[in-house]
Amino acid sequence: RFAAYFQQGDMESNGKYVTGAGRPVDYATGPVVWGEPGTNGQHAFYQLIHQGT
């Protein structure tokens, strides 16, 4: 289950395109990490696409 935990934490949290202050970042964020099959992994992946760089 560590892979699923790592995938969600990295892709959903570290993949944001803005800082905590709301300013856009000027670097790539959150790589794609495959670890969970099905809709659980799909949610993390699409969250990265929606809010990532």
N, C-alpha and C. Protein backbone atom coordinates (compact mmCIF):
# COMPACT_ATOMS: atom_id res chain seq x y z
N ARG A 1 0.81 -1.20 0.00
CA ARG A 1 0.00 0.00 0.00
C ARG A 1 0.85 1.27 0.00
N PHE A 2 2.17 1.13 0.21
CA PHE A 2 3.01 2.33 0.19
C PHE A 2 2.99 2.99 -1.17
N ALA A 3 2.99 2.19 -2.23
CA ALA A 3 2.97 2.78 -3.58
C ALA A 3 1.73 3.63 -3.79
N ALA A 4 0.60 3.16 -3.33
CA ALA A 4 -0.64 3.93 -3.46
C ALA A 4 -0.57 5.22 -2.65
N TYR A 5 -0.05 5.13 -1.44
CA TYR A 5 0.10 6.30 -0.58
C TYR A 5 1.05 7.31 -1.22
N PHE A 6 2.17 6.84 -1.72
CA PHE A 6 3.17 7.70 -2.35
C PHE A 6 2.59 8.36 -3.60
N GLN A 7 1.88 7.58 -4.41
CA GLN A 7 1.29 8.12 -5.63
C GLN A 7 0.33 9.25 -5.30
N GLN A 8 -0.55 9.05 -4.37
CA GLN A 8 -1.53 10.08 -4.04
C GLN A 8 -0.85 11.31 -3.47
N GLY A 9 0.06 11.13 -2.55
CA GLY A 9 0.75 12.26 -1.93
C GLY A 9 1.56 13.06 -2.92
N ASP A 10 2.26 12.38 -3.80
CA ASP A 10 3.12 13.08 -4.76
C ASP A 10 2.31 13.75 -5.86
N MET A 11 1.42 13.02 -6.48
CA MET A 11 0.71 13.56 -7.63
C MET A 11 -0.34 14.59 -7.24
N GLU A 12 -0.97 14.44 -6.09
CA GLU A 12 -2.01 15.39 -5.69
C GLU A 12 -1.46 16.57 -4.91
N SER A 13 -0.48 16.35 -4.07
CA SER A 13 0.04 17.43 -3.22
C SER A 13 1.23 18.15 -3.85
N ASN A 14 2.22 17.39 -4.29
CA ASN A 14 3.43 18.00 -4.85
C ASN A 14 3.24 18.46 -6.28
N GLY A 15 2.13 18.13 -6.89
CA GLY A 15 1.90 18.48 -8.28
C GLY A 15 1.20 19.80 -8.50
N LYS A 16 1.03 20.60 -7.48
CA LYS A 16 0.32 21.88 -7.63
C LYS A 16 1.16 22.87 -8.43
N TYR A 17 0.50 23.71 -9.23
CA TYR A 17 1.21 24.68 -10.05
C TYR A 17 1.33 26.05 -9.39
N VAL A 18 0.82 26.18 -8.17
CA VAL A 18 0.95 27.43 -7.42
C VAL A 18 1.56 27.14 -6.05
N THR A 19 2.19 28.16 -5.48
CA THR A 19 2.76 28.03 -4.14
C THR A 19 1.65 28.14 -3.10
N GLY A 20 2.01 27.95 -1.85
CA GLY A 20 1.04 28.11 -0.77
C GLY A 20 0.49 29.52 -0.70
N ALA A 21 1.25 30.49 -1.24
CA ALA A 21 0.81 31.89 -1.26
C ALA A 21 -0.02 32.21 -2.50
N GLY A 22 -0.22 31.21 -3.38
CA GLY A 22 -1.04 31.42 -4.57
C GLY A 22 -0.29 31.94 -5.78
N ARG A 23 1.03 31.95 -5.73
CA ARG A 23 1.83 32.42 -6.86
C ARG A 23 2.22 31.24 -7.75
N PRO A 24 2.19 31.41 -9.08
CA PRO A 24 2.60 30.32 -9.98
C PRO A 24 4.07 29.96 -9.77
N VAL A 25 4.37 28.67 -9.85
CA VAL A 25 5.76 28.23 -9.75
C VAL A 25 6.42 28.32 -11.12
N ASP A 26 7.74 28.41 -11.13
CA ASP A 26 8.48 28.51 -12.39
C ASP A 26 9.33 27.26 -12.63
N TYR A 27 8.84 26.12 -12.15
CA TYR A 27 9.55 24.86 -12.31
C TYR A 27 8.54 23.72 -12.43
N ALA A 28 9.00 22.61 -12.94
CA ALA A 28 8.12 21.44 -13.09
C ALA A 28 7.79 20.87 -11.72
N THR A 29 6.59 20.39 -11.55
CA THR A 29 6.16 19.83 -10.27
C THR A 29 5.64 18.42 -10.46
N GLY A 30 5.67 17.63 -9.39
CA GLY A 30 5.06 16.32 -9.31
C GLY A 30 5.12 15.43 -10.53
N PRO A 31 6.10 14.52 -10.60
CA PRO A 31 6.13 13.58 -11.72
C PRO A 31 4.96 12.60 -11.63
N VAL A 32 4.67 11.95 -12.73
CA VAL A 32 3.63 10.92 -12.74
C VAL A 32 4.20 9.68 -12.05
N VAL A 33 3.52 9.18 -11.05
CA VAL A 33 3.94 8.00 -10.30
C VAL A 33 2.82 6.97 -10.40
N TRP A 34 3.10 5.84 -11.05
CA TRP A 34 2.09 4.80 -11.18
C TRP A 34 2.21 3.86 -9.99
N GLY A 35 1.10 3.57 -9.32
CA GLY A 35 1.16 2.67 -8.19
C GLY A 35 -0.17 2.08 -7.80
N GLU A 36 -1.26 2.68 -8.23
CA GLU A 36 -2.58 2.20 -7.82
C GLU A 36 -3.44 1.98 -9.06
N PRO A 37 -4.02 0.80 -9.22
CA PRO A 37 -4.87 0.54 -10.38
C PRO A 37 -6.27 1.13 -10.19
N GLY A 38 -6.98 1.24 -11.26
CA GLY A 38 -8.39 1.63 -11.20
C GLY A 38 -8.64 3.08 -10.89
N THR A 39 -9.80 3.33 -10.32
CA THR A 39 -10.24 4.71 -10.11
C THR A 39 -9.43 5.44 -9.06
N ASN A 40 -8.84 4.75 -8.09
CA ASN A 40 -8.01 5.42 -7.10
C ASN A 40 -6.79 6.05 -7.76
N GLY A 41 -6.11 5.32 -8.62
CA GLY A 41 -4.97 5.86 -9.34
C GLY A 41 -5.40 6.90 -10.36
N GLN A 42 -6.54 6.70 -10.96
CA GLN A 42 -7.05 7.64 -11.95
C GLN A 42 -7.30 9.00 -11.32
N HIS A 43 -7.83 9.03 -10.12
CA HIS A 43 -8.10 10.30 -9.45
C HIS A 43 -6.81 11.09 -9.25
N ALA A 44 -5.77 10.44 -8.75
CA ALA A 44 -4.49 11.12 -8.52
C ALA A 44 -3.91 11.63 -9.83
N PHE A 45 -4.00 10.83 -10.88
CA PHE A 45 -3.47 11.20 -12.19
C PHE A 45 -4.20 12.43 -12.74
N TYR A 46 -5.51 12.43 -12.71
CA TYR A 46 -6.26 13.56 -13.25
C TYR A 46 -6.13 14.81 -12.38
N GLN A 47 -5.93 14.63 -11.09
CA GLN A 47 -5.67 15.77 -10.22
C GLN A 47 -4.36 16.44 -10.62
N LEU A 48 -3.35 15.65 -10.94
CA LEU A 48 -2.07 16.20 -11.40
C LEU A 48 -2.23 16.93 -12.72
N ILE A 49 -2.98 16.35 -13.64
CA ILE A 49 -3.21 17.02 -14.93
C ILE A 49 -3.96 18.33 -14.73
N HIS A 50 -4.96 18.32 -13.86
CA HIS A 50 -5.79 19.50 -13.63
C HIS A 50 -5.03 20.63 -12.94
N GLN A 51 -4.21 20.31 -11.94
CA GLN A 51 -3.57 21.34 -11.14
C GLN A 51 -2.06 21.34 -11.22
N GLY A 52 -1.48 20.51 -12.06
CA GLY A 52 -0.02 20.40 -12.13
C GLY A 52 0.58 21.20 -13.26
N THR A 53 1.89 21.05 -13.38
CA THR A 53 2.62 21.75 -14.44
C THR A 53 3.13 20.76 -15.46
